[in-house]
C-alpha cells in the first residue's frame, strides 16, 4: 500500500470506536510527555504535539537530542510504544497491553537514560485535564477492540492525506499536528497574523476521533475568532454548521459511506473553508 493512499473506511460499532479511542488517548500521553520533558516550557504546549507517520501508522512525538537524536511514538495498529532514531531504527519497544501508566513511564525513563539523558521524574502532570479513566488510577491498559483501533488509525491516516494535499495547494507553512489534549488532528491556516497565536485570525481543518460533543469520529473546519455561521450557505453531504462551543462546520464520519469517501471529505474541507475564509476576511 502506498504511503499517501486513502485507506477505505469500514462501518464499525460506535461503542467499539469509543472504547479504543479512550485507550489510545490515555496511552499517547506518555509519548507527549517525552517531548514536553526535554523542551522549553510553553503556555501553548506545542512541544507535546504529535505527528502522524503514514508509512508506520504511528503517532510520533518531538525529536529529542541525547547521545542520538530520537523520538517516541505509539503504533495504533500494534498498541506498542517505540523509540526510534532519525533513520527509524528501533531503539526500544514496549507493548502497552496489560501495562500500567507507571510501568510505561518507568520503561521510558530507563530507555531514555541509556540515550544519555536524565529522564527521572518523567511526569504525567499534564497542563490540561483529561476525562477520568481507570488507567489514571493504576489499572492496566486493555485494548478490548483492536479492530476498532485499526479503524481509528485509518481516520488519522486519511485525514492526514487530505490535509497534506490542502497544505501543499494553499502553501501553508504550519505542520499537520495531533494535540494530545483533545486527540484531534488539524492543520492551522493563518488568515491574519497578529504576532500572537491568541489573537491571530485562522481556521483549523481537522479530524476528531470523537469527543464529549460528538461520540463518533468527525471532520471539522473551525474558526478563530468566533464567526456568525448563520450567514453561511448549505453544505454538501449533510455537513452542518455549528456555533455553540466553537464556530465552524462538521461532517460526521457516517456520511462518508454515502459515496466516494475521499471525494466527500475533500469537498467538505473545500466548501466549508471557502465560506469561512470569506466571512473572516471580508
Foldseek 3Di string as FASTA:
>chain_A
DDLLDQDDFDDDDLVLLLLLVVLVLVVLLLQLLVQCVQDDDDPVSPQSWWDQRRVQLWTWGDWDDFLAIWGWIAHLQQQKIFIAGPVRDTQDIGRQAPAAPVVSLVVVQVSVVVRHDRCPCSDSPDPDDDPDDVSVVPGGRHSPRSVSSVSVSSVSSLQQSLVVVVCVVVVPPDDFIQDSRQRKTWDKDFDACPVDPLQTWIKIWIKGCADPVGSHIKTWIFIPPAFDCVPPDDAPQPKDFDHDPTTFIIDGQVSCVVDPNSVNSNSRCVRGVVRVSVRRPD
